[in-house]
Protein backbone atom coordinates (compact mmCIF):
# COMPACT_ATOMS: atom_id res chain seq x y z
CA MET A 1 72.11 35.74 85.41
CA ARG A 2 74.97 36.88 82.80
CA VAL A 3 77.73 38.43 84.06
CA VAL A 4 81.39 39.32 81.97
CA GLU A 5 84.37 37.63 84.14
CA VAL A 6 88.21 38.97 83.87
CA THR A 7 89.51 35.63 84.35
CA ALA A 8 93.50 36.17 84.18
CA TYR A 9 95.19 39.56 84.01
CA GLY A 10 95.46 40.13 79.85
CA GLY A 11 94.82 41.90 76.82
CA PRO A 12 90.76 42.02 75.70
CA GLU A 13 90.06 37.82 75.38
CA VAL A 14 90.70 37.19 79.03
CA LEU A 15 87.21 38.47 79.03
CA ARG A 16 84.74 35.52 79.04
CA MET A 17 80.32 35.40 79.41
CA SER A 18 79.33 33.63 82.66
CA ARG A 19 76.73 33.11 84.87
CA ARG A 20 76.28 33.81 88.38
CA PRO A 21 72.88 33.45 90.66
CA GLU A 22 70.65 36.50 90.57
CA PRO A 23 71.28 38.07 93.52
CA GLU A 24 67.61 38.36 96.16
CA ALA A 25 66.78 41.25 98.43
CA GLY A 26 68.12 41.62 101.09
CA ASP A 27 71.34 39.23 100.72
CA VAL A 28 73.30 42.31 101.54
CA PRO A 29 71.60 45.07 104.25
CA GLY A 30 71.91 48.34 103.36
CA ARG A 31 72.31 47.41 99.63
CA VAL A 32 69.53 47.30 96.95
CA ARG A 33 69.44 45.86 93.54
CA VAL A 34 69.03 47.49 89.89
CA ARG A 35 68.70 45.51 86.75
CA LEU A 36 70.85 47.20 84.31
CA LYS A 37 70.24 48.30 81.19
CA ALA A 38 73.76 50.31 80.29
CA ALA A 39 77.00 50.05 82.14
CA GLY A 40 80.05 52.11 80.73
CA VAL A 41 83.31 50.85 79.75
CA ASN A 42 86.02 53.55 81.50
CA GLN A 43 89.48 53.71 81.18
CA ALA A 44 90.03 52.07 84.41
CA ASP A 45 88.60 48.98 83.45
CA LEU A 46 91.27 48.51 80.50
CA ARG A 47 93.93 49.57 83.02
CA ILE A 48 92.68 46.66 86.09
CA ARG A 49 92.12 44.31 83.22
CA ALA A 50 95.68 44.33 82.19
CA GLY A 51 96.76 43.55 85.76
CA HIS A 52 98.33 47.73 85.67
CA TYR A 53 96.92 47.49 89.62
CA ALA A 54 97.09 44.09 90.56
CA ASP A 55 99.55 45.22 93.05
CA SER A 56 97.36 47.49 94.87
CA VAL A 57 93.99 45.38 95.29
CA GLY A 58 95.52 43.70 98.13
CA SER A 59 93.81 39.97 97.75
CA LEU A 60 91.50 40.37 95.49
CA LYS A 61 92.56 37.47 92.57
CA PRO A 62 90.50 36.97 88.80
CA PRO A 63 88.08 35.62 88.43
CA PHE A 64 86.17 39.19 88.97
CA ILE A 65 83.24 41.42 87.44
CA LEU A 66 84.88 44.74 86.02
CA GLY A 67 82.54 47.85 85.83
CA THR A 68 81.70 51.38 87.55
CA ASP A 69 78.96 53.19 85.46
CA PHE A 70 75.33 52.14 84.99
CA ALA A 71 71.96 52.76 84.68
CA GLY A 72 69.18 50.81 84.79
CA LYS A 73 65.58 50.07 87.24
CA LEU A 74 65.78 49.65 90.80
CA LEU A 75 64.53 46.37 91.52
CA ASP A 76 64.15 47.19 95.55
CA PRO A 77 62.72 50.81 97.26
CA ALA A 78 65.05 52.89 98.25
CA PRO A 79 65.27 56.34 100.03
CA GLY A 80 62.31 58.80 97.73
CA MET A 81 62.76 56.48 95.00
CA ALA A 82 60.45 53.29 94.50
CA VAL A 83 60.83 50.21 92.72
CA GLY A 84 60.62 50.28 88.60
CA THR A 85 62.62 53.82 88.97
CA ARG A 86 65.08 54.52 86.70
CA VAL A 87 68.60 55.22 88.18
CA ALA A 88 72.47 55.83 87.34
CA GLY A 89 75.23 55.45 89.66
CA PHE A 90 78.65 53.94 89.48
CA VAL A 91 80.29 51.13 91.90
CA PRO A 92 83.66 52.60 94.03
CA TRP A 93 85.42 49.36 92.35
CA TYR A 94 88.46 50.34 93.40
CA ASP A 95 87.37 51.25 96.91
CA GLU A 96 85.37 48.43 97.12
CA LEU A 97 87.39 45.90 96.11
CA THR A 98 84.92 43.02 96.02
CA GLY A 99 85.34 42.44 92.84
CA GLU A 100 81.16 42.91 91.83
CA GLY A 101 81.24 45.00 89.09
CA THR A 102 78.52 46.40 86.24
CA TYR A 103 79.11 44.05 83.86
CA ALA A 104 76.44 42.61 85.26
CA GLU A 105 72.09 41.74 84.80
CA VAL A 106 71.63 42.61 88.09
CA VAL A 107 74.15 45.05 90.96
CA GLN A 108 73.82 46.09 94.60
CA VAL A 109 74.39 49.01 94.91
CA ALA A 110 74.27 52.06 98.33
CA PRO A 111 71.50 53.68 97.96
CA GLU A 112 73.58 56.71 98.28
CA TRP A 113 75.24 56.29 94.91
CA LEU A 114 71.88 56.58 93.02
CA ALA A 115 70.29 59.66 90.68
CA PRO A 116 66.91 59.14 89.26
CA ILE A 117 67.23 59.65 85.23
CA PRO A 118 64.93 62.44 83.84
CA ASP A 119 62.54 61.27 81.25
CA ASP A 120 64.34 62.84 78.46
CA VAL A 121 67.97 61.21 78.92
CA ASP A 122 68.38 57.62 77.68
CA HIS A 123 70.08 54.72 79.44
CA THR A 124 73.23 54.57 77.13
CA VAL A 125 73.89 58.58 77.61
CA ALA A 126 72.98 58.21 81.37
CA ALA A 127 75.53 55.13 81.95
CA SER A 128 78.04 57.64 79.96
CA LEU A 129 78.15 60.13 83.06
CA PRO A 130 78.44 59.26 86.38
CA LEU A 131 82.13 58.38 86.95
CA ALA A 132 83.09 60.67 84.61
CA SER A 133 81.00 64.04 85.89
CA ALA A 134 82.69 63.14 89.66
CA ALA A 135 86.41 62.74 88.51
CA ALA A 136 85.84 66.08 86.32
CA GLN A 137 83.98 67.57 89.27
CA GLN A 138 86.13 66.25 92.32
CA GLY A 139 89.09 67.22 89.91
CA LEU A 140 88.37 70.68 90.24
CA ASP A 141 87.34 70.57 93.71
CA ARG A 142 91.06 70.01 94.18
CA ILE A 143 93.02 72.20 91.52
CA ALA A 144 91.10 75.00 93.63
CA LEU A 145 92.08 77.52 91.15
CA PRO A 146 90.03 81.13 91.39
CA ALA A 147 88.06 82.51 88.96
CA GLY A 148 90.23 83.74 85.13
CA SER A 149 92.98 81.04 86.60
CA THR A 150 94.23 79.22 83.49
CA LEU A 151 93.79 75.60 83.54
CA LEU A 152 94.90 73.09 80.86
CA VAL A 153 92.43 70.09 80.32
CA THR A 154 94.42 67.11 78.40
CA GLY A 155 91.77 64.57 76.75
CA GLY A 156 89.54 66.85 76.05
CA SER A 157 87.90 65.07 73.52
CA THR A 158 86.85 62.26 76.84
CA VAL A 159 84.05 62.08 78.58
CA VAL A 160 85.97 63.19 82.13
CA GLY A 161 87.91 65.79 79.66
CA ARG A 162 84.80 67.68 77.91
CA LEU A 163 82.79 67.92 81.44
CA ALA A 164 85.99 69.29 82.91
CA VAL A 165 85.80 72.01 80.08
CA GLN A 166 82.42 72.66 81.06
CA TYR A 167 82.59 72.66 84.47
CA ALA A 168 85.78 74.82 84.62
CA SER A 169 84.46 76.69 81.93
CA ALA A 170 81.43 77.61 84.36
CA ALA A 171 83.33 78.48 87.29
CA GLY A 172 85.14 80.77 85.64
CA LEU A 173 88.63 79.52 84.71
CA ARG A 174 90.05 80.12 81.49
CA VAL A 175 90.17 76.67 80.15
CA VAL A 176 93.09 74.84 76.92
CA ALA A 177 92.01 72.17 76.07
CA VAL A 178 93.89 69.60 73.74
CA ALA A 179 91.63 67.50 71.89
CA HIS A 180 91.60 65.24 68.80
CA GLU A 181 91.47 66.47 65.77
CA GLY A 182 88.61 67.90 64.32
CA ASP A 183 87.29 68.75 67.92
CA GLU A 184 88.68 71.75 68.21
CA SER A 185 85.64 74.31 67.12
CA GLU A 186 82.97 71.90 69.81
CA LEU A 187 85.25 72.24 72.55
CA LYS A 188 84.80 76.10 71.76
CA ILE A 189 81.67 75.74 72.32
CA LEU A 190 81.64 74.00 75.08
CA GLY A 191 84.05 76.86 76.92
CA ALA A 192 87.32 76.44 75.84
CA GLU A 193 88.96 79.46 74.90
CA HIS A 194 91.93 77.48 73.19
CA ALA A 195 91.62 74.04 72.20
CA LEU A 196 94.38 72.00 70.75
CA PRO A 197 95.12 69.03 68.48
CA ARG A 198 96.92 65.94 69.88
CA GLY A 199 100.09 65.20 69.41
CA THR A 200 103.39 63.98 71.14
CA PRO A 201 104.36 65.22 74.61
CA GLU A 202 106.36 67.83 73.11
CA ASP A 203 104.18 68.83 70.12
CA VAL A 204 101.22 69.74 73.17
CA ILE A 205 103.92 71.80 75.21
CA ASP A 206 104.68 74.24 72.41
CA ARG A 207 101.33 74.37 70.95
CA VAL A 208 100.17 75.34 74.91
CA LEU A 209 103.25 77.94 75.41
CA ALA A 210 102.37 79.21 71.86
CA ALA A 211 98.72 79.99 73.22
CA VAL A 212 99.73 80.56 76.56
CA PRO A 213 103.66 81.56 77.01
CA GLU A 214 103.12 82.48 80.63
CA GLN A 215 102.28 79.14 81.21
CA VAL A 216 99.07 77.58 83.11
CA ASP A 217 97.97 77.86 86.72
CA GLY A 218 96.79 74.31 87.13
CA VAL A 219 96.76 70.91 85.06
CA PHE A 220 93.61 68.65 84.43
CA ASP A 221 95.04 66.04 83.08
CA GLY A 222 92.20 63.74 81.33
CA ALA A 223 94.78 62.11 78.96
CA LEU A 224 97.04 60.64 81.39
CA LEU A 225 99.90 62.93 80.08
CA GLY A 226 101.50 62.39 83.79
CA GLU A 227 105.01 64.42 84.46
CA ASP A 228 105.68 64.35 80.26
CA ILE A 229 103.48 67.43 80.47
CA ILE A 230 104.59 69.88 83.37
CA PRO A 231 106.23 72.36 81.81
CA VAL A 232 103.72 73.87 80.75
CA LEU A 233 102.72 74.54 84.27
CA LYS A 234 104.04 77.55 85.97
CA ASP A 235 106.65 77.84 89.06
CA GLY A 236 103.71 76.66 92.05
CA GLY A 237 100.76 75.33 89.84
CA VAL A 238 98.74 72.32 90.57
CA PHE A 239 98.51 69.62 88.46
CA VAL A 240 95.99 66.58 88.89
CA ALA A 241 95.88 63.74 87.74
CA ILE A 242 93.27 60.98 87.53
CA ALA A 243 94.99 57.63 87.10
CA PRO A 244 96.83 56.00 90.73
CA ASP A 245 99.79 55.37 88.33
CA ARG A 246 100.01 58.54 86.29
CA VAL A 247 101.24 61.06 89.37
CA PRO A 248 103.80 63.08 88.45
CA ALA A 249 106.51 63.46 90.93
CA PRO A 250 106.10 66.85 92.71
CA GLN A 251 108.69 69.88 91.39
CA ARG A 252 109.17 73.76 91.08
CA ASN A 253 106.78 73.80 94.41
CA ILE A 254 104.26 72.15 92.14
CA ARG A 255 101.25 70.72 93.74
CA VAL A 256 100.47 67.78 92.66
CA GLU A 257 96.98 65.98 93.66
CA ALA A 258 95.58 62.51 92.49
CA VAL A 259 91.58 61.88 92.70
CA ARG A 260 89.40 59.21 92.77
CA ALA A 261 86.36 59.59 92.33
CA VAL A 262 83.51 58.90 95.09
CA PRO A 263 79.98 58.74 94.42
CA ASP A 264 78.25 61.78 94.66
CA ALA A 265 74.25 61.31 94.33
CA THR A 266 73.31 64.81 94.57
CA ARG A 267 75.94 66.25 92.41
CA LEU A 268 75.42 63.11 89.67
CA ALA A 269 71.34 64.48 89.83
CA GLU A 270 71.84 68.20 88.89
CA SER A 271 74.73 66.70 86.13
CA LEU A 272 71.55 64.83 84.73
CA GLN A 273 69.16 66.89 84.69
CA LYS A 274 71.72 69.69 82.94
CA VAL A 275 72.18 66.77 80.26
CA ALA A 276 68.17 66.62 79.95
CA ASP A 277 68.24 70.46 79.67
CA ARG A 278 71.35 70.69 76.91
CA GLU A 279 72.73 72.64 79.54
CA LEU A 280 75.68 69.78 79.44
CA ILE A 281 76.94 67.69 76.96
CA THR A 282 78.45 64.12 77.42
CA ARG A 283 79.24 61.42 74.12
CA VAL A 284 78.56 58.26 73.63
CA ALA A 285 81.35 56.57 71.28
CA ASP A 286 79.52 53.34 70.26
CA VAL A 287 77.12 50.95 72.05
CA LEU A 288 77.64 47.18 71.84
CA PRO A 289 75.87 44.15 73.52
CA LEU A 290 77.42 43.03 76.82
CA GLU A 291 78.49 39.83 74.82
CA GLU A 292 80.42 41.79 72.61
CA VAL A 293 82.58 42.92 75.95
CA ALA A 294 86.34 42.41 74.57
CA GLU A 295 85.17 43.83 71.65
CA ALA A 296 84.44 46.90 73.34
CA HIS A 297 87.36 47.02 75.26
CA ARG A 298 89.93 46.93 72.08
CA ARG A 299 87.91 50.13 70.67
CA ALA A 300 88.71 51.77 73.74
CA GLU A 301 92.05 51.10 74.08
CA SER A 302 92.52 51.56 70.29
CA GLY A 303 90.85 54.94 70.96
CA HIS A 304 89.03 55.03 67.61
CA ARG A 305 86.93 57.35 68.66
CA PRO A 306 86.65 59.26 71.95
CA GLY A 307 83.30 58.85 74.01
CA ARG A 308 82.32 56.56 76.42
CA ILE A 309 81.69 53.15 75.53
CA ILE A 310 78.15 51.85 76.25
CA LEU A 311 77.55 47.99 76.94
CA MET A 312 74.01 46.99 76.39
CA ILE A 313 72.57 44.73 79.20
């Protein structure tokens, strides 16, 4: 089967198309096979490929296969799902550390990672959701602010940021979102009370404090700004980081939480159904064939268009 390997740590040029044996049923006890139709390109993929986490992945060395998000069809029966069922999920790549990701034609996954895809949701849209929705929901769980509190969401134009805005608004939080210029009106429709344009950290701080002079109660840092954005947060507030290398040092009695999303098939199934019902909005920025994975990484790193880049397989 076709796979994409990271041959060494570095830029997108280290990604190489290769072939590996296709897994057989039962190769890994307790796992089922999924033939992929689509895989998402996540910021974590870019950071792993670039070597940012090289010291924290144990003995795993290139060559390995990147990729977390996926959508495809079951090749083996799973509890409650027959062969051929369209499914989506994500591989907890960083926890598994097997180097077997989703930039491949077939993956072996735990059945409890899988959620069925509703008929009205295509594979590309489904593949944009799993990791982002888990990170948004589990990050908000960590924030644990009561209704009426004010939450800043940086990276509001990204998939995880857009979902965080929607989930937080539905939970009764007052949301301030920082987003790409031109996305402000859409984010307000999605639930943001204030939608502010991006800029330098200093610009963002000034804009947030102009909108919320009393400072915010919590920060969901989808843009990985880290400690640069801490001045907008009240003493005793809460900060959630979604990248392990962007966790600010605690100060002013601020509670700092880092979230590494874990699969939650029940919540994913609910979110996919909300996407089908037009109650939850994700965003696909580009769709490229697996063979153009290096270009996909270049586009993701350049931030040329907000949203998830999807590899068609």
